[in-house]
Amino acid sequence: MDTIIDILTELHPDVDFDTCDTLIDDGILDSFDIVSIISRINEEFDVQITADRITPENFNSAEAIWALVSELLDE
């Protein structure tokens, strides 16, 4: 989870990613951010996030992103 927080903080250092659960809903993350996050996750965790998993629910919080990564690591 710390790696996810680090990736997000690099993009938006002013956001409290430990508590924010409206990253997409509030427009904190845009499509360019999502592409950057996916690229970094693919590099850091050696997983592939497919298009069908790129949903607001999976990117609305650091916890949701970590849940997605954990699920991919278990596959």
N, C-alpha and C. Protein backbone atom coordinates (compact mmCIF):
# COMPACT_ATOMS: atom_id res chain seq x y z
N MET A 1 0.82 -1.20 0.00
CA MET A 1 0.00 0.00 0.00
C MET A 1 0.87 1.26 0.00
N ASP A 2 2.00 1.21 0.68
CA ASP A 2 2.88 2.38 0.73
C ASP A 2 3.35 2.80 -0.66
N THR A 3 3.60 1.83 -1.51
CA THR A 3 4.03 2.14 -2.88
C THR A 3 2.93 2.87 -3.63
N ILE A 4 1.70 2.46 -3.43
CA ILE A 4 0.56 3.13 -4.07
C ILE A 4 0.48 4.57 -3.60
N ILE A 5 0.60 4.78 -2.29
CA ILE A 5 0.58 6.15 -1.73
C ILE A 5 1.71 6.97 -2.33
N ASP A 6 2.89 6.39 -2.45
CA ASP A 6 4.04 7.11 -3.03
C ASP A 6 3.76 7.52 -4.48
N ILE A 7 3.21 6.60 -5.26
CA ILE A 7 2.89 6.90 -6.66
C ILE A 7 1.90 8.05 -6.74
N LEU A 8 0.86 7.98 -5.94
CA LEU A 8 -0.17 9.02 -5.95
C LEU A 8 0.37 10.36 -5.46
N THR A 9 1.19 10.33 -4.44
CA THR A 9 1.76 11.56 -3.88
C THR A 9 2.67 12.26 -4.87
N GLU A 10 3.37 11.49 -5.69
CA GLU A 10 4.21 12.10 -6.73
C GLU A 10 3.36 12.93 -7.69
N LEU A 11 2.15 12.49 -7.96
CA LEU A 11 1.26 13.20 -8.88
C LEU A 11 0.58 14.40 -8.23
N HIS A 12 0.15 14.22 -6.98
CA HIS A 12 -0.59 15.27 -6.27
C HIS A 12 -0.14 15.31 -4.81
N PRO A 13 0.96 15.99 -4.53
CA PRO A 13 1.50 16.00 -3.16
C PRO A 13 0.59 16.69 -2.14
N ASP A 14 -0.39 17.44 -2.59
CA ASP A 14 -1.25 18.18 -1.68
C ASP A 14 -2.48 17.39 -1.21
N VAL A 15 -2.65 16.16 -1.66
CA VAL A 15 -3.83 15.36 -1.32
C VAL A 15 -3.48 14.35 -0.24
N ASP A 16 -4.39 14.15 0.72
CA ASP A 16 -4.22 13.14 1.76
C ASP A 16 -4.79 11.82 1.24
N PHE A 17 -3.94 11.03 0.63
CA PHE A 17 -4.37 9.79 0.01
C PHE A 17 -4.71 8.69 1.02
N ASP A 18 -4.33 8.89 2.27
CA ASP A 18 -4.68 7.92 3.31
C ASP A 18 -6.17 7.95 3.62
N THR A 19 -6.80 9.11 3.44
CA THR A 19 -8.21 9.24 3.81
C THR A 19 -9.14 9.54 2.65
N CYS A 20 -8.65 10.09 1.57
CA CYS A 20 -9.50 10.49 0.46
C CYS A 20 -10.06 9.28 -0.27
N ASP A 21 -11.37 9.24 -0.44
CA ASP A 21 -12.00 8.13 -1.16
C ASP A 21 -12.88 8.63 -2.32
N THR A 22 -12.56 9.83 -2.81
CA THR A 22 -13.31 10.42 -3.92
C THR A 22 -12.35 10.97 -4.98
N LEU A 23 -11.30 10.25 -5.24
CA LEU A 23 -10.27 10.74 -6.17
C LEU A 23 -10.82 10.96 -7.58
N ILE A 24 -11.68 10.07 -8.03
CA ILE A 24 -12.29 10.21 -9.34
C ILE A 24 -13.52 11.10 -9.24
N ASP A 25 -14.37 10.82 -8.27
CA ASP A 25 -15.63 11.56 -8.11
C ASP A 25 -15.40 13.06 -7.99
N ASP A 26 -14.34 13.46 -7.29
CA ASP A 26 -14.05 14.88 -7.09
C ASP A 26 -13.11 15.46 -8.15
N GLY A 27 -12.72 14.65 -9.13
CA GLY A 27 -11.87 15.14 -10.20
C GLY A 27 -10.42 15.37 -9.80
N ILE A 28 -10.00 14.76 -8.70
CA ILE A 28 -8.60 14.91 -8.27
C ILE A 28 -7.68 14.21 -9.26
N LEU A 29 -8.08 13.02 -9.68
CA LEU A 29 -7.33 12.29 -10.70
C LEU A 29 -8.03 12.44 -12.04
N ASP A 30 -7.25 12.78 -13.07
CA ASP A 30 -7.81 12.86 -14.42
C ASP A 30 -7.29 11.68 -15.24
N SER A 31 -7.66 11.63 -16.49
CA SER A 31 -7.29 10.49 -17.33
C SER A 31 -5.78 10.35 -17.49
N PHE A 32 -5.08 11.47 -17.55
CA PHE A 32 -3.62 11.41 -17.66
C PHE A 32 -3.00 10.83 -16.39
N ASP A 33 -3.56 11.21 -15.24
CA ASP A 33 -3.09 10.64 -13.97
C ASP A 33 -3.30 9.13 -13.95
N ILE A 34 -4.47 8.69 -14.40
CA ILE A 34 -4.78 7.26 -14.40
C ILE A 34 -3.78 6.50 -15.27
N VAL A 35 -3.48 7.04 -16.43
CA VAL A 35 -2.50 6.40 -17.32
C VAL A 35 -1.14 6.31 -16.62
N SER A 36 -0.73 7.38 -15.97
CA SER A 36 0.55 7.39 -15.24
C SER A 36 0.55 6.37 -14.11
N ILE A 37 -0.55 6.32 -13.37
CA ILE A 37 -0.66 5.38 -12.24
C ILE A 37 -0.58 3.94 -12.75
N ILE A 38 -1.33 3.65 -13.80
CA ILE A 38 -1.32 2.29 -14.36
C ILE A 38 0.07 1.90 -14.84
N SER A 39 0.74 2.81 -15.50
CA SER A 39 2.10 2.54 -15.97
C SER A 39 3.03 2.22 -14.81
N ARG A 40 2.98 3.03 -13.77
CA ARG A 40 3.84 2.81 -12.60
C ARG A 40 3.51 1.51 -11.89
N ILE A 41 2.21 1.21 -11.76
CA ILE A 41 1.79 -0.04 -11.11
C ILE A 41 2.30 -1.23 -11.93
N ASN A 42 2.17 -1.16 -13.24
CA ASN A 42 2.66 -2.24 -14.09
C ASN A 42 4.16 -2.46 -13.88
N GLU A 43 4.92 -1.37 -13.77
CA GLU A 43 6.36 -1.47 -13.55
C GLU A 43 6.69 -1.98 -12.15
N GLU A 44 6.07 -1.40 -11.15
CA GLU A 44 6.40 -1.70 -9.74
C GLU A 44 5.99 -3.12 -9.33
N PHE A 45 4.82 -3.56 -9.81
CA PHE A 45 4.26 -4.82 -9.32
C PHE A 45 4.25 -5.93 -10.37
N ASP A 46 4.68 -5.62 -11.60
CA ASP A 46 4.71 -6.59 -12.68
C ASP A 46 3.34 -7.24 -12.90
N VAL A 47 2.32 -6.38 -12.97
CA VAL A 47 0.96 -6.82 -13.28
C VAL A 47 0.46 -6.01 -14.47
N GLN A 48 -0.60 -6.48 -15.09
CA GLN A 48 -1.20 -5.76 -16.21
C GLN A 48 -2.64 -5.41 -15.84
N ILE A 49 -2.94 -4.13 -15.82
CA ILE A 49 -4.30 -3.67 -15.57
C ILE A 49 -4.99 -3.55 -16.93
N THR A 50 -5.97 -4.39 -17.15
CA THR A 50 -6.68 -4.40 -18.43
C THR A 50 -7.76 -3.32 -18.44
N ALA A 51 -8.21 -2.99 -19.63
CA ALA A 51 -9.18 -1.90 -19.81
C ALA A 51 -10.46 -2.12 -19.01
N ASP A 52 -10.89 -3.35 -18.87
CA ASP A 52 -12.13 -3.62 -18.15
C ASP A 52 -12.01 -3.34 -16.65
N ARG A 53 -10.80 -3.20 -16.16
CA ARG A 53 -10.59 -2.92 -14.73
C ARG A 53 -10.37 -1.43 -14.46
N ILE A 54 -10.35 -0.65 -15.52
CA ILE A 54 -10.16 0.79 -15.35
C ILE A 54 -11.54 1.42 -15.16
N THR A 55 -12.00 1.35 -13.91
CA THR A 55 -13.31 1.89 -13.54
C THR A 55 -13.13 2.89 -12.41
N PRO A 56 -14.06 3.81 -12.27
CA PRO A 56 -13.96 4.77 -11.15
C PRO A 56 -13.86 4.08 -9.79
N GLU A 57 -14.59 2.99 -9.62
CA GLU A 57 -14.56 2.28 -8.34
C GLU A 57 -13.16 1.78 -7.99
N ASN A 58 -12.39 1.38 -8.99
CA ASN A 58 -11.05 0.85 -8.75
C ASN A 58 -10.00 1.94 -8.54
N PHE A 59 -10.35 3.20 -8.81
CA PHE A 59 -9.37 4.28 -8.70
C PHE A 59 -9.84 5.44 -7.83
N ASN A 60 -10.90 5.24 -7.07
CA ASN A 60 -11.45 6.34 -6.25
C ASN A 60 -10.68 6.56 -4.96
N SER A 61 -9.83 5.61 -4.59
CA SER A 61 -9.03 5.77 -3.36
C SER A 61 -7.77 4.93 -3.48
N ALA A 62 -6.80 5.26 -2.65
CA ALA A 62 -5.57 4.45 -2.62
C ALA A 62 -5.90 3.03 -2.20
N GLU A 63 -6.84 2.89 -1.28
CA GLU A 63 -7.24 1.56 -0.82
C GLU A 63 -7.86 0.74 -1.95
N ALA A 64 -8.68 1.38 -2.79
CA ALA A 64 -9.29 0.68 -3.93
C ALA A 64 -8.22 0.27 -4.94
N ILE A 65 -7.27 1.15 -5.18
CA ILE A 65 -6.18 0.82 -6.10
C ILE A 65 -5.38 -0.35 -5.56
N TRP A 66 -5.10 -0.32 -4.26
CA TRP A 66 -4.34 -1.41 -3.64
C TRP A 66 -5.12 -2.72 -3.72
N ALA A 67 -6.43 -2.66 -3.53
CA ALA A 67 -7.26 -3.87 -3.64
C ALA A 67 -7.18 -4.45 -5.05
N LEU A 68 -7.20 -3.58 -6.05
CA LEU A 68 -7.06 -4.03 -7.44
C LEU A 68 -5.70 -4.69 -7.66
N VAL A 69 -4.65 -4.05 -7.20
CA VAL A 69 -3.29 -4.60 -7.36
C VAL A 69 -3.19 -5.94 -6.64
N SER A 70 -3.70 -6.01 -5.43
CA SER A 70 -3.65 -7.26 -4.66
C SER A 70 -4.37 -8.39 -5.39
N GLU A 71 -5.52 -8.06 -5.96
CA GLU A 71 -6.28 -9.04 -6.73
C GLU A 71 -5.47 -9.53 -7.93
N LEU A 72 -4.82 -8.61 -8.62
CA LEU A 72 -4.00 -8.98 -9.78
C LEU A 72 -2.79 -9.81 -9.37
N LEU A 73 -2.22 -9.52 -8.24
CA LEU A 73 -1.07 -10.28 -7.76
C LEU A 73 -1.47 -11.71 -7.40
N ASP A 74 -2.70 -11.88 -6.97
CA ASP A 74 -3.19 -13.21 -6.58
C ASP A 74 -3.57 -14.09 -7.77
N GLU A 75 -3.73 -13.48 -8.94
CA GLU A 75 -4.13 -14.25 -10.12
C GLU A 75 -3.00 -15.07 -10.68
